[in-house]
Amino acid sequence: MDLGLEGKVVLITGGSKGIGEAITRTFMAEGARVANINRSTAEGEALEAEYAAQGQQCLFIQGDLTNLDACKQAVEKTLNVFGRIDVLVNNAGVNDGISLSDGPEAFIGSLERNLIHYYAMAHYALDALKQSQGAIINISSKVAATGQGGTSGYAASKGGINGLTREWALDLAADNIRVNTVVPAETWTPLYAELIEQSEDPSAAKRQIEDIIPLGQRFTTSQEIADMVVFLSSQRSLHTTGQIHYVDGGYTHLDRKYTSGSNRVDLSK
């Protein structure tokens, strides 16, 4: 299936590691040109060099997204190099564990790390997206729907992202700009693997989580998240907007009492 992404320009935040890297690589495989803004440099520079050796453009832009000037400069550099922006993928964020007891200043800091730059990037890229009649894809989290405990800042940010998706989809419909959210739940990434390895019995810890994921009793892969992001950005998804897409094997919304260990039942009967 031709997704119509050849030569399109995609600006991705946090596109160097984990889900972000999978998104970057999947767009590159479709022939898009990518601008990747990230705070850390090593991975972004490595991706840029890897694709340059193949004759492809994967521009790395170093920047701390909590700095609004860095957001603006990332958009400006993308336009200076590529001349257009067709897709904005707001992906960068961190589950930073800022809880109700940490206080307002810490909470505001969490919003800056996880929500404010989504708005800033969309604001600064808006004129370019209007010209291209492009798309915005926001990466959220199941925490927005389920809560997690001990992470007020992250939960508020992800809930805000879902709300902005609906607001922007309505706001920008007249400009033919599509806005959608992709929601991961238990997605296997190098960071998740590191956290599992810190447990007393990593294999048992991993299995415990997998047992409550209805579809296949396995983690979602980063590639599966990336595939949805790229499809929603493509010419094959031109009449989809304002939607919250859960790519989670049914984790968020299906009744897990039917999937956990000895309580699992055969629903086909």
C-alpha atoms as a PDB file:
ATOM      1  CA  MET A   1       0.000   0.000   0.000  1.00  0.00           C
ATOM      2  CA  ASP A   2       1.394   3.367  -1.031  1.00  0.00           C
ATOM      3  CA  LEU A   3       0.908   5.727   1.923  1.00  0.00           C
ATOM      4  CA  GLY A   4       1.775   8.788  -0.127  1.00  0.00           C
ATOM      5  CA  LEU A   5       4.545   9.911   2.224  1.00  0.00           C
ATOM      6  CA  GLU A   6       7.413  10.021  -0.258  1.00  0.00           C
ATOM      7  CA  GLY A   7       9.188  13.377   0.149  1.00  0.00           C
ATOM      8  CA  LYS A   8       6.880  14.591   2.917  1.00  0.00           C
ATOM      9  CA  VAL A   9       8.493  16.489   5.812  1.00  0.00           C
ATOM     10  CA  VAL A  10       7.813  15.194   9.309  1.00  0.00           C
ATOM     11  CA  LEU A  11       8.830  17.029  12.491  1.00  0.00           C
ATOM     12  CA  ILE A  12       9.067  14.628  15.436  1.00  0.00           C
ATOM     13  CA  THR A  13       9.768  15.505  19.057  1.00  0.00           C
ATOM     14  CA  GLY A  14      11.755  12.918  20.967  1.00  0.00           C
ATOM     15  CA  GLY A  15      12.418  10.885  17.830  1.00  0.00           C
ATOM     16  CA  SER A  16      15.730   9.336  18.867  1.00  0.00           C
ATOM     17  CA  LYS A  17      14.815   6.571  21.328  1.00  0.00           C
ATOM     18  CA  GLY A  18      12.094   4.060  22.136  1.00  0.00           C
ATOM     19  CA  ILE A  19       8.728   4.738  20.513  1.00  0.00           C
ATOM     20  CA  GLY A  20      10.090   7.942  18.987  1.00  0.00           C
ATOM     21  CA  GLU A  21      12.905   6.110  17.224  1.00  0.00           C
ATOM     22  CA  ALA A  22      10.448   3.556  15.830  1.00  0.00           C
ATOM     23  CA  ILE A  23       8.302   6.414  14.517  1.00  0.00           C
ATOM     24  CA  THR A  24      11.339   8.077  12.916  1.00  0.00           C
ATOM     25  CA  ARG A  25      12.501   4.862  11.247  1.00  0.00           C
ATOM     26  CA  THR A  26       9.042   4.025   9.944  1.00  0.00           C
ATOM     27  CA  PHE A  27       8.621   7.434   8.326  1.00  0.00           C
ATOM     28  CA  MET A  28      12.077   7.129   6.826  1.00  0.00           C
ATOM     29  CA  ALA A  29      11.174   3.703   5.410  1.00  0.00           C
ATOM     30  CA  GLU A  30       8.208   5.358   3.668  1.00  0.00           C
ATOM     31  CA  GLY A  31      10.508   7.870   1.974  1.00  0.00           C
ATOM     32  CA  ALA A  32       9.683  10.840   4.186  1.00  0.00           C
ATOM     33  CA  ARG A  33      12.210  13.421   5.343  1.00  0.00           C
ATOM     34  CA  VAL A  34      12.408  13.754   9.109  1.00  0.00           C
ATOM     35  CA  ALA A  35      13.441  16.520  11.493  1.00  0.00           C
ATOM     36  CA  ASN A  36      13.994  15.070  14.968  1.00  0.00           C
ATOM     37  CA  ILE A  37      14.259  17.374  17.972  1.00  0.00           C
ATOM     38  CA  ASN A  38      15.765  15.882  21.112  1.00  0.00           C
ATOM     39  CA  ARG A  39      17.588  17.121  24.200  1.00  0.00           C
ATOM     40  CA  SER A  40      20.293  14.427  24.194  1.00  0.00           C
ATOM     41  CA  THR A  41      22.593  14.377  21.195  1.00  0.00           C
ATOM     42  CA  ALA A  42      24.284  11.005  20.721  1.00  0.00           C
ATOM     43  CA  GLU A  43      21.324   9.007  19.426  1.00  0.00           C
ATOM     44  CA  GLY A  44      20.013  11.812  17.218  1.00  0.00           C
ATOM     45  CA  GLU A  45      23.383  12.416  15.617  1.00  0.00           C
ATOM     46  CA  ALA A  46      23.808   8.684  15.044  1.00  0.00           C
ATOM     47  CA  LEU A  47      20.439   8.483  13.267  1.00  0.00           C
ATOM     48  CA  GLU A  48      21.298  11.504  11.140  1.00  0.00           C
ATOM     49  CA  ALA A  49      24.628   9.956  10.103  1.00  0.00           C
ATOM     50  CA  GLU A  50      23.088   6.539   9.441  1.00  0.00           C
ATOM     51  CA  TYR A  51      20.522   7.908   7.036  1.00  0.00           C
ATOM     52  CA  ALA A  52      22.909  10.391   5.439  1.00  0.00           C
ATOM     53  CA  ALA A  53      25.080   7.432   4.450  1.00  0.00           C
ATOM     54  CA  GLN A  54      22.013   6.046   2.651  1.00  0.00           C
ATOM     55  CA  GLY A  55      21.303   9.358   0.918  1.00  0.00           C
ATOM     56  CA  GLN A  56      18.301  10.195   3.126  1.00  0.00           C
ATOM     57  CA  GLN A  57      17.617  13.250   5.274  1.00  0.00           C
ATOM     58  CA  CYS A  58      17.025  12.698   8.985  1.00  0.00           C
ATOM     59  CA  LEU A  59      17.878  16.095  10.427  1.00  0.00           C
ATOM     60  CA  PHE A  60      18.794  16.160  14.113  1.00  0.00           C
ATOM     61  CA  ILE A  61      17.944  19.329  16.035  1.00  0.00           C
ATOM     62  CA  GLN A  62      19.244  19.567  19.588  1.00  0.00           C
ATOM     63  CA  GLY A  63      16.896  21.323  21.953  1.00  0.00           C
ATOM     64  CA  ASP A  64      15.257  21.211  25.378  1.00  0.00           C
ATOM     65  CA  LEU A  65      11.512  21.369  24.734  1.00  0.00           C
ATOM     66  CA  THR A  66      10.804  22.940  28.115  1.00  0.00           C
ATOM     67  CA  ASN A  67      12.407  26.032  26.550  1.00  0.00           C
ATOM     68  CA  LEU A  68       9.823  27.703  24.315  1.00  0.00           C
ATOM     69  CA  ASP A  69      12.553  29.309  22.215  1.00  0.00           C
ATOM     70  CA  ALA A  70      13.878  25.828  21.439  1.00  0.00           C
ATOM     71  CA  CYS A  71      10.413  24.827  20.180  1.00  0.00           C
ATOM     72  CA  LYS A  72      10.249  27.886  17.929  1.00  0.00           C
ATOM     73  CA  GLN A  73      13.798  27.392  16.661  1.00  0.00           C
ATOM     74  CA  ALA A  74      13.115  23.729  15.845  1.00  0.00           C
ATOM     75  CA  VAL A  75      10.241  24.731  13.590  1.00  0.00           C
ATOM     76  CA  GLU A  76      12.304  27.499  11.994  1.00  0.00           C
ATOM     77  CA  LYS A  77      15.256  25.190  11.323  1.00  0.00           C
ATOM     78  CA  THR A  78      12.982  22.551   9.823  1.00  0.00           C
ATOM     79  CA  LEU A  79      11.531  25.145   7.459  1.00  0.00           C
ATOM     80  CA  ASN A  80      14.974  26.539   6.623  1.00  0.00           C
ATOM     81  CA  VAL A  81      16.266  23.090   5.663  1.00  0.00           C
ATOM     82  CA  PHE A  82      13.187  21.495   4.088  1.00  0.00           C
ATOM     83  CA  GLY A  83      10.959  24.444   3.178  1.00  0.00           C
ATOM     84  CA  ARG A  84       7.762  22.867   4.503  1.00  0.00           C
ATOM     85  CA  ILE A  85       6.180  20.777   7.271  1.00  0.00           C
ATOM     86  CA  ASP A  86       3.586  18.149   6.387  1.00  0.00           C
ATOM     87  CA  VAL A  87       3.305  16.279   9.686  1.00  0.00           C
ATOM     88  CA  LEU A  88       3.986  17.198  13.310  1.00  0.00           C
ATOM     89  CA  VAL A  89       4.384  14.284  15.725  1.00  0.00           C
ATOM     90  CA  ASN A  90       4.293  15.406  19.361  1.00  0.00           C
ATOM     91  CA  ASN A  91       5.919  12.473  21.132  1.00  0.00           C
ATOM     92  CA  ALA A  92       8.423  13.657  23.736  1.00  0.00           C
ATOM     93  CA  GLY A  93       7.541  13.239  27.402  1.00  0.00           C
ATOM     94  CA  VAL A  94       8.423  11.408  30.597  1.00  0.00           C
ATOM     95  CA  ASN A  95       6.434   9.715  33.345  1.00  0.00           C
ATOM     96  CA  ASP A  96       8.222  11.726  35.999  1.00  0.00           C
ATOM     97  CA  GLY A  97       6.341  10.613  39.115  1.00  0.00           C
ATOM     98  CA  ILE A  98       5.286  14.093  40.221  1.00  0.00           C
ATOM     99  CA  SER A  99       2.547  13.342  42.749  1.00  0.00           C
ATOM    100  CA  LEU A 100      -0.035  15.358  44.629  1.00  0.00           C
ATOM    101  CA  SER A 101       2.355  15.680  47.573  1.00  0.00           C
ATOM    102  CA  ASP A 102       5.163  17.242  45.502  1.00  0.00           C
ATOM    103  CA  GLY A 103       3.562  20.680  45.298  1.00  0.00           C
ATOM    104  CA  PRO A 104       2.511  23.192  42.634  1.00  0.00           C
ATOM    105  CA  GLU A 105       6.001  24.081  41.391  1.00  0.00           C
ATOM    106  CA  ALA A 106       6.858  20.458  40.697  1.00  0.00           C
ATOM    107  CA  PHE A 107       3.473  19.988  39.041  1.00  0.00           C
ATOM    108  CA  ILE A 108       4.088  22.960  36.730  1.00  0.00           C
ATOM    109  CA  GLY A 109       7.487  21.504  35.854  1.00  0.00           C
ATOM    110  CA  SER A 110       5.828  18.249  34.873  1.00  0.00           C
ATOM    111  CA  LEU A 111       3.380  20.090  32.619  1.00  0.00           C
ATOM    112  CA  GLU A 112       6.341  21.804  30.958  1.00  0.00           C
ATOM    113  CA  ARG A 113       7.995  18.440  30.293  1.00  0.00           C
ATOM    114  CA  ASN A 114       4.860  16.712  29.061  1.00  0.00           C
ATOM    115  CA  LEU A 115       2.181  19.130  27.813  1.00  0.00           C
ATOM    116  CA  ILE A 116       3.218  22.733  27.178  1.00  0.00           C
ATOM    117  CA  HIS A 117       5.586  21.905  24.324  1.00  0.00           C
ATOM    118  CA  TYR A 118       2.774  20.030  22.507  1.00  0.00           C
ATOM    119  CA  TYR A 119       0.898  23.322  22.320  1.00  0.00           C
ATOM    120  CA  ALA A 120       4.058  25.315  21.506  1.00  0.00           C
ATOM    121  CA  MET A 121       5.125  23.034  18.656  1.00  0.00           C
ATOM    122  CA  ALA A 122       1.636  23.078  17.117  1.00  0.00           C
ATOM    123  CA  HIS A 123       1.450  26.869  17.483  1.00  0.00           C
ATOM    124  CA  TYR A 124       4.809  27.521  15.826  1.00  0.00           C
ATOM    125  CA  ALA A 125       4.209  24.958  13.037  1.00  0.00           C
ATOM    126  CA  LEU A 126       0.630  26.080  12.357  1.00  0.00           C
ATOM    127  CA  ASP A 127       1.229  28.317   9.341  1.00  0.00           C
ATOM    128  CA  ALA A 128       3.325  25.624   7.649  1.00  0.00           C
ATOM    129  CA  LEU A 129       0.703  22.963   8.378  1.00  0.00           C
ATOM    130  CA  LYS A 130      -2.022  25.184   6.935  1.00  0.00           C
ATOM    131  CA  GLN A 131      -0.004  25.537   3.732  1.00  0.00           C
ATOM    132  CA  SER A 132       0.523  21.790   3.429  1.00  0.00           C
ATOM    133  CA  GLN A 133      -2.931  20.841   4.752  1.00  0.00           C
ATOM    134  CA  GLY A 134      -1.041  18.432   6.941  1.00  0.00           C
ATOM    135  CA  ALA A 135      -1.546  16.418  10.085  1.00  0.00           C
ATOM    136  CA  ILE A 136      -0.747  16.512  13.786  1.00  0.00           C
ATOM    137  CA  ILE A 137      -0.308  13.271  15.700  1.00  0.00           C
ATOM    138  CA  ASN A 138      -0.130  13.486  19.483  1.00  0.00           C
ATOM    139  CA  ILE A 139       1.240  10.637  21.598  1.00  0.00           C
ATOM    140  CA  SER A 140      -0.684  10.258  24.848  1.00  0.00           C
ATOM    141  CA  SER A 141      -0.828   7.473  27.458  1.00  0.00           C
ATOM    142  CA  LYS A 142      -3.386   5.098  28.955  1.00  0.00           C
ATOM    143  CA  VAL A 143      -2.703   6.914  32.252  1.00  0.00           C
ATOM    144  CA  ALA A 144      -5.019   9.666  30.981  1.00  0.00           C
ATOM    145  CA  ALA A 145      -7.892   7.183  31.106  1.00  0.00           C
ATOM    146  CA  THR A 146      -6.900   4.833  33.927  1.00  0.00           C
ATOM    147  CA  GLY A 147      -4.792   6.871  36.345  1.00  0.00           C
ATOM    148  CA  GLN A 148      -1.719   5.243  37.816  1.00  0.00           C
ATOM    149  CA  GLY A 149      -1.144   6.701  41.264  1.00  0.00           C
ATOM    150  CA  GLY A 150       1.714   8.977  42.239  1.00  0.00           C
ATOM    151  CA  THR A 151       1.978  10.767  38.913  1.00  0.00           C
ATOM    152  CA  SER A 152      -0.414  13.737  38.900  1.00  0.00           C
ATOM    153  CA  GLY A 153       1.647  15.822  36.494  1.00  0.00           C
ATOM    154  CA  TYR A 154       1.936  13.110  33.857  1.00  0.00           C
ATOM    155  CA  ALA A 155      -1.739  12.104  34.158  1.00  0.00           C
ATOM    156  CA  ALA A 156      -2.902  15.716  33.830  1.00  0.00           C
ATOM    157  CA  SER A 157      -0.622  16.251  30.846  1.00  0.00           C
ATOM    158  CA  LYS A 158      -1.824  13.180  28.994  1.00  0.00           C
ATOM    159  CA  GLY A 159      -5.451  14.020  29.714  1.00  0.00           C
ATOM    160  CA  GLY A 160      -4.749  17.513  28.404  1.00  0.00           C
ATOM    161  CA  ILE A 161      -3.227  16.075  25.248  1.00  0.00           C
ATOM    162  CA  ASN A 162      -6.395  14.097  24.545  1.00  0.00           C
ATOM    163  CA  GLY A 163      -8.482  17.219  25.103  1.00  0.00           C
ATOM    164  CA  LEU A 164      -6.288  19.312  22.809  1.00  0.00           C
ATOM    165  CA  THR A 165      -6.583  16.693  20.091  1.00  0.00           C
ATOM    166  CA  ARG A 166     -10.363  17.102  20.004  1.00  0.00           C
ATOM    167  CA  GLU A 167     -10.111  20.897  20.282  1.00  0.00           C
ATOM    168  CA  TRP A 168      -7.539  21.231  17.506  1.00  0.00           C
ATOM    169  CA  ALA A 169      -9.379  18.813  15.229  1.00  0.00           C
ATOM    170  CA  LEU A 170     -12.421  21.078  15.414  1.00  0.00           C
ATOM    171  CA  ASP A 171     -10.409  24.280  15.272  1.00  0.00           C
ATOM    172  CA  LEU A 172      -8.404  23.213  12.217  1.00  0.00           C
ATOM    173  CA  ALA A 173     -10.982  21.266  10.215  1.00  0.00           C
ATOM    174  CA  ALA A 174     -11.617  24.262   7.955  1.00  0.00           C
ATOM    175  CA  ASP A 175      -7.891  24.253   7.129  1.00  0.00           C
ATOM    176  CA  ASN A 176      -7.977  20.534   6.223  1.00  0.00           C
ATOM    177  CA  ILE A 177      -5.528  19.757   9.032  1.00  0.00           C
ATOM    178  CA  ARG A 178      -6.196  16.404  10.669  1.00  0.00           C
ATOM    179  CA  VAL A 179      -5.407  15.915  14.362  1.00  0.00           C
ATOM    180  CA  ASN A 180      -5.369  12.522  16.085  1.00  0.00           C
ATOM    181  CA  THR A 181      -3.932  10.900  19.182  1.00  0.00           C
ATOM    182  CA  VAL A 182      -2.241   7.520  19.534  1.00  0.00           C
ATOM    183  CA  VAL A 183      -2.375   6.026  23.028  1.00  0.00           C
ATOM    184  CA  PRO A 184       0.184   3.422  24.108  1.00  0.00           C
ATOM    185  CA  ALA A 185      -0.301   1.356  27.262  1.00  0.00           C
ATOM    186  CA  GLU A 186       2.188  -1.411  28.100  1.00  0.00           C
ATOM    187  CA  THR A 187       4.689  -0.928  25.269  1.00  0.00           C
ATOM    188  CA  TRP A 188       8.026  -2.722  25.255  1.00  0.00           C
ATOM    189  CA  THR A 189      10.892  -0.244  24.975  1.00  0.00           C
ATOM    190  CA  PRO A 190      14.516  -0.264  26.164  1.00  0.00           C
ATOM    191  CA  LEU A 191      13.486   1.935  29.113  1.00  0.00           C
ATOM    192  CA  TYR A 192      10.720  -0.496  30.090  1.00  0.00           C
ATOM    193  CA  ALA A 193      13.195  -3.369  29.838  1.00  0.00           C
ATOM    194  CA  GLU A 194      15.570  -1.539  32.186  1.00  0.00           C
ATOM    195  CA  LEU A 195      12.779  -1.076  34.737  1.00  0.00           C
ATOM    196  CA  ILE A 196      11.819  -4.753  34.552  1.00  0.00           C
ATOM    197  CA  GLU A 197      15.438  -5.810  35.032  1.00  0.00           C
ATOM    198  CA  GLN A 198      15.521  -3.936  38.341  1.00  0.00           C
ATOM    199  CA  SER A 199      12.908  -6.273  39.852  1.00  0.00           C
ATOM    200  CA  GLU A 200      13.843  -9.338  41.905  1.00  0.00           C
ATOM    201  CA  ASP A 201      12.561 -11.726  39.237  1.00  0.00           C
ATOM    202  CA  PRO A 202      12.469  -9.941  35.858  1.00  0.00           C
ATOM    203  CA  SER A 203      10.882 -12.855  34.004  1.00  0.00           C
ATOM    204  CA  ALA A 204       8.068 -13.148  36.541  1.00  0.00           C
ATOM    205  CA  ALA A 205       7.534  -9.373  36.563  1.00  0.00           C
ATOM    206  CA  LYS A 206       7.256  -9.293  32.775  1.00  0.00           C
ATOM    207  CA  ARG A 207       4.884 -12.271  32.738  1.00  0.00           C
ATOM    208  CA  GLN A 208       2.660 -10.669  35.390  1.00  0.00           C
ATOM    209  CA  ILE A 209       2.109  -7.641  33.155  1.00  0.00           C
ATOM    210  CA  GLU A 210       1.680  -9.702  29.994  1.00  0.00           C
ATOM    211  CA  ASP A 211      -0.991 -11.844  31.650  1.00  0.00           C
ATOM    212  CA  ILE A 212      -3.345  -8.859  31.945  1.00  0.00           C
ATOM    213  CA  ILE A 213      -3.010  -7.725  28.320  1.00  0.00           C
ATOM    214  CA  PRO A 214      -6.039  -9.303  26.624  1.00  0.00           C
ATOM    215  CA  LEU A 215      -4.817  -9.643  23.042  1.00  0.00           C
ATOM    216  CA  GLY A 216      -2.034 -12.214  22.934  1.00  0.00           C
ATOM    217  CA  GLN A 217      -0.893 -11.712  26.538  1.00  0.00           C
ATOM    218  CA  ARG A 218       2.111  -9.718  25.301  1.00  0.00           C
ATOM    219  CA  PHE A 219       3.464  -6.192  25.312  1.00  0.00           C
ATOM    220  CA  THR A 220       2.680  -3.859  22.442  1.00  0.00           C
ATOM    221  CA  THR A 221       5.772  -3.245  20.326  1.00  0.00           C
ATOM    222  CA  SER A 222       7.140   0.197  19.517  1.00  0.00           C
ATOM    223  CA  GLN A 223       6.736  -0.713  15.865  1.00  0.00           C
ATOM    224  CA  GLU A 224       2.997  -1.224  16.323  1.00  0.00           C
ATOM    225  CA  ILE A 225       2.692   2.281  17.780  1.00  0.00           C
ATOM    226  CA  ALA A 226       4.783   3.680  14.941  1.00  0.00           C
ATOM    227  CA  ASP A 227       2.698   1.937  12.294  1.00  0.00           C
ATOM    228  CA  MET A 228      -0.476   3.594  13.593  1.00  0.00           C
ATOM    229  CA  VAL A 229       1.211   7.015  13.745  1.00  0.00           C
ATOM    230  CA  VAL A 230       2.457   6.742  10.178  1.00  0.00           C
ATOM    231  CA  PHE A 231      -0.880   5.479   8.843  1.00  0.00           C
ATOM    232  CA  LEU A 232      -2.786   8.333  10.507  1.00  0.00           C
ATOM    233  CA  SER A 233      -0.303  10.779   8.946  1.00  0.00           C
ATOM    234  CA  SER A 234      -0.738   9.343   5.489  1.00  0.00           C
ATOM    235  CA  GLN A 235      -2.879   9.910   2.416  1.00  0.00           C
ATOM    236  CA  ARG A 236      -4.751   6.715   3.353  1.00  0.00           C
ATOM    237  CA  SER A 237      -6.257   8.432   6.400  1.00  0.00           C
ATOM    238  CA  LEU A 238      -7.568  11.671   4.948  1.00  0.00           C
ATOM    239  CA  HIS A 239     -10.976  11.629   6.652  1.00  0.00           C
ATOM    240  CA  THR A 240      -9.920  10.655  10.169  1.00  0.00           C
ATOM    241  CA  THR A 241      -9.617  13.452  12.717  1.00  0.00           C
ATOM    242  CA  GLY A 242     -10.278  14.126  16.381  1.00  0.00           C
ATOM    243  CA  GLN A 243      -9.869  10.463  17.298  1.00  0.00           C
ATOM    244  CA  ILE A 244      -8.147   8.853  20.286  1.00  0.00           C
ATOM    245  CA  HIS A 245      -6.634   5.589  19.026  1.00  0.00           C
ATOM    246  CA  TYR A 246      -5.665   2.993  21.655  1.00  0.00           C
ATOM    247  CA  VAL A 247      -2.925   0.683  20.405  1.00  0.00           C
ATOM    248  CA  ASP A 248      -2.716  -1.493  23.497  1.00  0.00           C
ATOM    249  CA  GLY A 249      -3.985  -5.019  22.884  1.00  0.00           C
ATOM    250  CA  GLY A 250      -7.188  -4.139  24.722  1.00  0.00           C
ATOM    251  CA  TYR A 251      -5.345  -3.286  27.942  1.00  0.00           C
ATOM    252  CA  THR A 252      -7.137  -0.045  28.735  1.00  0.00           C
ATOM    253  CA  HIS A 253     -10.769  -0.888  28.117  1.00  0.00           C
ATOM    254  CA  LEU A 254     -11.290  -4.656  28.189  1.00  0.00           C
ATOM    255  CA  ASP A 255     -12.213  -6.461  31.418  1.00  0.00           C
ATOM    256  CA  ARG A 256      -8.954  -7.987  32.635  1.00  0.00           C
ATOM    257  CA  LYS A 257     -10.536 -10.408  35.081  1.00  0.00           C
ATOM    258  CA  TYR A 258     -10.943 -12.692  32.056  1.00  0.00           C
ATOM    259  CA  THR A 259      -7.263 -12.654  31.141  1.00  0.00           C
ATOM    260  CA  SER A 260      -5.347 -12.894  34.409  1.00  0.00           C
ATOM    261  CA  GLY A 261      -3.716 -16.225  35.208  1.00  0.00           C
ATOM    262  CA  SER A 262      -6.024 -18.996  36.395  1.00  0.00           C
ATOM    263  CA  ASN A 263      -9.086 -16.777  35.925  1.00  0.00           C
ATOM    264  CA  ARG A 264      -8.613 -16.756  32.164  1.00  0.00           C
ATOM    265  CA  VAL A 265     -11.587 -18.191  30.297  1.00  0.00           C
ATOM    266  CA  ASP A 266     -12.180 -19.262  26.719  1.00  0.00           C
ATOM    267  CA  LEU A 267     -14.484 -16.561  25.371  1.00  0.00           C
ATOM    268  CA  SER A 268     -14.952 -18.408  22.073  1.00  0.00           C
ATOM    269  CA  LYS A 269     -17.341 -20.938  23.651  1.00  0.00           C
END
